[in-house]
Amino acid sequence: MYAQVFYADELFEAYVGRPTTYTKVWEGEVELPEGFLDRGPTTFCEVLFERFNIGDHGGRTDIRSMSVGDEVVVGDVRYVCKSLGFQPKCEVES
């Protein structure tokens, strides 16, 4: 499955829900076991959260861990990282 990860440039602003700009820090394919997405659409976001916090940071050494307010785009939906899990934010415009 293809996804993109965006980090909030102003983390506090994103945390409190104020507008901020975002920087794409990663994009690519992630292999998932068959039936994995049957657990719900945010499960994939949680896999990326783990990878960017206790994993290999998407193969990068120059970025911080994923935090509240950062976003993951999967397909046509943008998900925002909350204090507990992810929440769909909006559909991505083509």
N, C-alpha and C. Protein backbone atom coordinates (compact mmCIF):
# COMPACT_ATOMS: atom_id res chain seq x y z
N MET A 1 0.84 -1.17 0.00
CA MET A 1 0.00 0.00 0.00
C MET A 1 0.89 1.24 0.00
N TYR A 2 0.50 2.23 -0.79
CA TYR A 2 1.25 3.48 -0.92
C TYR A 2 0.75 4.50 0.09
N ALA A 3 1.67 5.22 0.71
CA ALA A 3 1.29 6.26 1.67
C ALA A 3 2.31 7.38 1.65
N GLN A 4 1.91 8.52 2.21
CA GLN A 4 2.80 9.66 2.39
C GLN A 4 2.69 10.12 3.84
N VAL A 5 3.81 10.59 4.40
CA VAL A 5 3.83 11.09 5.77
C VAL A 5 4.23 12.56 5.73
N PHE A 6 3.43 13.40 6.39
CA PHE A 6 3.68 14.84 6.45
C PHE A 6 3.84 15.25 7.91
N TYR A 7 4.89 16.01 8.20
CA TYR A 7 5.10 16.52 9.55
C TYR A 7 4.69 17.99 9.59
N ALA A 8 4.01 18.37 10.68
CA ALA A 8 3.59 19.75 10.88
C ALA A 8 4.83 20.62 11.09
N ASP A 9 4.90 21.74 10.40
CA ASP A 9 6.03 22.65 10.57
C ASP A 9 5.93 23.40 11.90
N GLU A 10 4.73 23.66 12.34
CA GLU A 10 4.49 24.32 13.63
C GLU A 10 3.72 23.33 14.49
N LEU A 11 4.45 22.49 15.20
CA LEU A 11 3.83 21.36 15.90
C LEU A 11 2.77 21.80 16.91
N PHE A 12 3.03 22.86 17.68
CA PHE A 12 2.03 23.30 18.66
C PHE A 12 0.76 23.75 17.97
N GLU A 13 0.89 24.48 16.87
CA GLU A 13 -0.30 24.95 16.14
C GLU A 13 -1.14 23.76 15.68
N ALA A 14 -0.49 22.73 15.16
CA ALA A 14 -1.21 21.54 14.71
C ALA A 14 -1.86 20.84 15.90
N TYR A 15 -1.16 20.79 17.02
CA TYR A 15 -1.67 20.11 18.22
C TYR A 15 -2.96 20.75 18.71
N VAL A 16 -3.04 22.07 18.68
CA VAL A 16 -4.25 22.75 19.17
C VAL A 16 -5.27 22.98 18.06
N GLY A 17 -5.00 22.47 16.87
CA GLY A 17 -5.98 22.53 15.79
C GLY A 17 -5.93 23.79 14.95
N ARG A 18 -4.90 24.59 15.11
CA ARG A 18 -4.77 25.80 14.29
C ARG A 18 -4.10 25.45 12.96
N PRO A 19 -4.37 26.24 11.92
CA PRO A 19 -3.75 25.97 10.62
C PRO A 19 -2.23 26.06 10.70
N THR A 20 -1.58 25.21 9.98
CA THR A 20 -0.12 25.23 9.86
C THR A 20 0.26 24.64 8.52
N THR A 21 1.51 24.76 8.16
CA THR A 21 1.99 24.14 6.93
C THR A 21 2.61 22.79 7.26
N TYR A 22 2.72 21.95 6.25
CA TYR A 22 3.24 20.60 6.44
C TYR A 22 4.35 20.33 5.43
N THR A 23 5.30 19.51 5.85
CA THR A 23 6.40 19.09 4.98
C THR A 23 6.34 17.58 4.79
N LYS A 24 6.37 17.15 3.53
CA LYS A 24 6.39 15.71 3.26
C LYS A 24 7.76 15.17 3.67
N VAL A 25 7.77 14.19 4.57
CA VAL A 25 9.03 13.62 5.03
C VAL A 25 9.27 12.21 4.50
N TRP A 26 8.21 11.60 3.96
CA TRP A 26 8.38 10.23 3.46
C TRP A 26 7.21 9.89 2.55
N GLU A 27 7.48 9.04 1.56
CA GLU A 27 6.43 8.45 0.74
C GLU A 27 6.94 7.13 0.21
N GLY A 28 6.03 6.19 0.07
CA GLY A 28 6.44 4.90 -0.46
C GLY A 28 5.45 3.80 -0.22
N GLU A 29 5.84 2.63 -0.62
CA GLU A 29 5.01 1.43 -0.47
C GLU A 29 5.36 0.72 0.83
N VAL A 30 4.35 0.18 1.47
CA VAL A 30 4.54 -0.61 2.68
C VAL A 30 3.82 -1.94 2.47
N GLU A 31 4.54 -3.03 2.66
CA GLU A 31 3.95 -4.36 2.52
C GLU A 31 3.17 -4.70 3.78
N LEU A 32 1.95 -5.17 3.60
CA LEU A 32 1.11 -5.56 4.73
C LEU A 32 0.64 -7.00 4.54
N PRO A 33 0.48 -7.72 5.65
CA PRO A 33 -0.05 -9.09 5.53
C PRO A 33 -1.47 -9.08 4.97
N GLU A 34 -1.84 -10.14 4.29
CA GLU A 34 -3.19 -10.26 3.72
C GLU A 34 -4.23 -10.13 4.83
N GLY A 35 -5.26 -9.36 4.58
CA GLY A 35 -6.34 -9.17 5.54
C GLY A 35 -6.05 -8.13 6.62
N PHE A 36 -4.86 -7.54 6.59
CA PHE A 36 -4.46 -6.59 7.63
C PHE A 36 -5.38 -5.39 7.69
N LEU A 37 -5.80 -4.88 6.55
CA LEU A 37 -6.63 -3.69 6.52
C LEU A 37 -8.07 -3.96 6.94
N ASP A 38 -8.43 -5.23 7.12
CA ASP A 38 -9.77 -5.56 7.60
C ASP A 38 -9.99 -5.03 9.02
N ARG A 39 -8.92 -4.70 9.72
CA ARG A 39 -9.01 -4.17 11.09
C ARG A 39 -9.47 -2.72 11.10
N GLY A 40 -9.50 -2.07 9.97
CA GLY A 40 -9.92 -0.68 9.89
C GLY A 40 -8.89 0.17 9.16
N PRO A 41 -9.33 1.29 8.59
CA PRO A 41 -8.43 2.10 7.77
C PRO A 41 -7.30 2.77 8.55
N THR A 42 -7.50 3.04 9.83
CA THR A 42 -6.44 3.72 10.58
C THR A 42 -5.35 2.76 11.04
N THR A 43 -5.56 1.46 10.89
CA THR A 43 -4.54 0.48 11.28
C THR A 43 -3.24 0.73 10.52
N PHE A 44 -3.34 1.07 9.26
CA PHE A 44 -2.16 1.34 8.45
C PHE A 44 -1.40 2.55 8.99
N CYS A 45 -2.14 3.57 9.41
CA CYS A 45 -1.50 4.76 9.99
C CYS A 45 -0.74 4.39 11.26
N GLU A 46 -1.30 3.50 12.05
CA GLU A 46 -0.65 3.07 13.28
C GLU A 46 0.65 2.31 13.00
N VAL A 47 0.68 1.56 11.89
CA VAL A 47 1.92 0.87 11.48
C VAL A 47 2.99 1.91 11.17
N LEU A 48 2.62 2.96 10.45
CA LEU A 48 3.58 4.02 10.14
C LEU A 48 4.00 4.78 11.39
N PHE A 49 3.07 5.00 12.32
CA PHE A 49 3.41 5.68 13.58
C PHE A 49 4.49 4.89 14.32
N GLU A 50 4.30 3.58 14.39
CA GLU A 50 5.30 2.74 15.06
C GLU A 50 6.64 2.82 14.33
N ARG A 51 6.59 2.77 13.02
CA ARG A 51 7.84 2.82 12.24
C ARG A 51 8.60 4.13 12.44
N PHE A 52 7.85 5.23 12.54
CA PHE A 52 8.50 6.53 12.67
C PHE A 52 8.82 6.90 14.12
N ASN A 53 8.40 6.08 15.07
CA ASN A 53 8.70 6.38 16.48
C ASN A 53 9.65 5.38 17.12
N ILE A 54 9.49 4.10 16.81
CA ILE A 54 10.40 3.11 17.39
C ILE A 54 11.08 2.26 16.33
N GLY A 55 10.77 2.55 15.08
CA GLY A 55 11.36 1.80 13.98
C GLY A 55 12.51 2.56 13.36
N ASP A 56 12.57 2.51 12.04
CA ASP A 56 13.71 3.09 11.32
C ASP A 56 13.46 4.51 10.80
N HIS A 57 12.40 5.17 11.25
CA HIS A 57 12.05 6.52 10.80
C HIS A 57 11.96 6.60 9.27
N GLY A 58 11.46 5.53 8.68
CA GLY A 58 11.32 5.52 7.23
C GLY A 58 12.65 5.55 6.50
N GLY A 59 13.71 5.10 7.19
CA GLY A 59 15.03 5.09 6.58
C GLY A 59 15.76 6.42 6.67
N ARG A 60 15.19 7.37 7.42
CA ARG A 60 15.81 8.70 7.55
C ARG A 60 16.35 8.88 8.96
N THR A 61 17.44 9.63 9.07
CA THR A 61 18.02 9.91 10.38
C THR A 61 17.92 11.38 10.74
N ASP A 62 17.35 12.19 9.85
CA ASP A 62 17.32 13.64 10.05
C ASP A 62 15.94 14.18 10.42
N ILE A 63 15.02 13.31 10.86
CA ILE A 63 13.68 13.78 11.21
C ILE A 63 13.32 13.33 12.62
N ARG A 64 12.39 14.06 13.22
CA ARG A 64 11.91 13.72 14.56
C ARG A 64 10.89 12.58 14.49
N SER A 65 10.43 12.15 15.63
CA SER A 65 9.39 11.13 15.70
C SER A 65 8.05 11.74 15.29
N MET A 66 7.11 10.89 14.87
CA MET A 66 5.77 11.35 14.52
C MET A 66 5.06 11.80 15.79
N SER A 67 4.33 12.91 15.71
CA SER A 67 3.67 13.49 16.88
C SER A 67 2.23 13.87 16.56
N VAL A 68 1.49 14.24 17.60
CA VAL A 68 0.12 14.73 17.46
C VAL A 68 0.13 15.91 16.50
N GLY A 69 -0.79 15.88 15.54
CA GLY A 69 -0.89 16.94 14.55
C GLY A 69 -0.25 16.60 13.22
N ASP A 70 0.66 15.61 13.19
CA ASP A 70 1.25 15.18 11.93
C ASP A 70 0.21 14.39 11.14
N GLU A 71 0.44 14.22 9.85
CA GLU A 71 -0.56 13.61 8.99
C GLU A 71 0.00 12.48 8.15
N VAL A 72 -0.89 11.53 7.85
CA VAL A 72 -0.60 10.42 6.94
C VAL A 72 -1.66 10.44 5.85
N VAL A 73 -1.23 10.35 4.60
CA VAL A 73 -2.17 10.28 3.48
C VAL A 73 -2.13 8.87 2.93
N VAL A 74 -3.31 8.24 2.91
CA VAL A 74 -3.46 6.89 2.37
C VAL A 74 -4.58 6.96 1.35
N GLY A 75 -4.25 6.69 0.10
CA GLY A 75 -5.26 6.80 -0.95
C GLY A 75 -5.73 8.23 -1.09
N ASP A 76 -7.02 8.44 -0.95
CA ASP A 76 -7.61 9.78 -1.08
C ASP A 76 -7.95 10.41 0.25
N VAL A 77 -7.48 9.83 1.35
CA VAL A 77 -7.85 10.34 2.67
C VAL A 77 -6.61 10.77 3.45
N ARG A 78 -6.73 11.92 4.08
CA ARG A 78 -5.68 12.46 4.95
C ARG A 78 -6.09 12.19 6.40
N TYR A 79 -5.22 11.52 7.15
CA TYR A 79 -5.47 11.20 8.56
C TYR A 79 -4.57 12.05 9.43
N VAL A 80 -5.11 12.59 10.51
CA VAL A 80 -4.31 13.39 11.44
C VAL A 80 -4.03 12.55 12.69
N CYS A 81 -2.80 12.63 13.16
CA CYS A 81 -2.38 11.92 14.36
C CYS A 81 -2.97 12.64 15.58
N LYS A 82 -3.69 11.91 16.40
CA LYS A 82 -4.29 12.45 17.62
C LYS A 82 -3.53 11.89 18.82
N SER A 83 -3.91 12.32 20.02
CA SER A 83 -3.22 11.82 21.21
C SER A 83 -3.46 10.33 21.38
N LEU A 84 -4.52 9.82 20.80
CA LEU A 84 -4.80 8.38 20.81
C LEU A 84 -5.32 7.98 19.44
N GLY A 85 -4.45 7.45 18.61
CA GLY A 85 -4.84 6.97 17.29
C GLY A 85 -4.86 8.07 16.23
N PHE A 86 -5.58 7.78 15.15
CA PHE A 86 -5.69 8.69 14.00
C PHE A 86 -7.14 8.96 13.68
N GLN A 87 -7.40 10.12 13.10
CA GLN A 87 -8.74 10.50 12.72
C GLN A 87 -8.72 11.01 11.29
N PRO A 88 -9.68 10.56 10.45
CA PRO A 88 -9.73 11.09 9.09
C PRO A 88 -9.93 12.60 9.14
N LYS A 89 -9.16 13.32 8.33
CA LYS A 89 -9.25 14.77 8.32
C LYS A 89 -10.07 15.26 7.13
N CYS A 90 -9.71 14.78 5.93
CA CYS A 90 -10.43 15.20 4.73
C CYS A 90 -9.96 14.35 3.57
N GLU A 91 -10.71 14.43 2.50
CA GLU A 91 -10.26 13.78 1.28
C GLU A 91 -9.22 14.67 0.61
N VAL A 92 -8.23 14.05 0.02
CA VAL A 92 -7.15 14.77 -0.65
C VAL A 92 -7.63 15.19 -2.02
N GLU A 93 -7.41 16.46 -2.35
CA GLU A 93 -7.81 16.94 -3.68
C GLU A 93 -6.83 16.44 -4.72
N SER A 94 -7.36 16.03 -5.85
CA SER A 94 -6.50 15.52 -6.94
C SER A 94 -5.85 16.63 -7.69
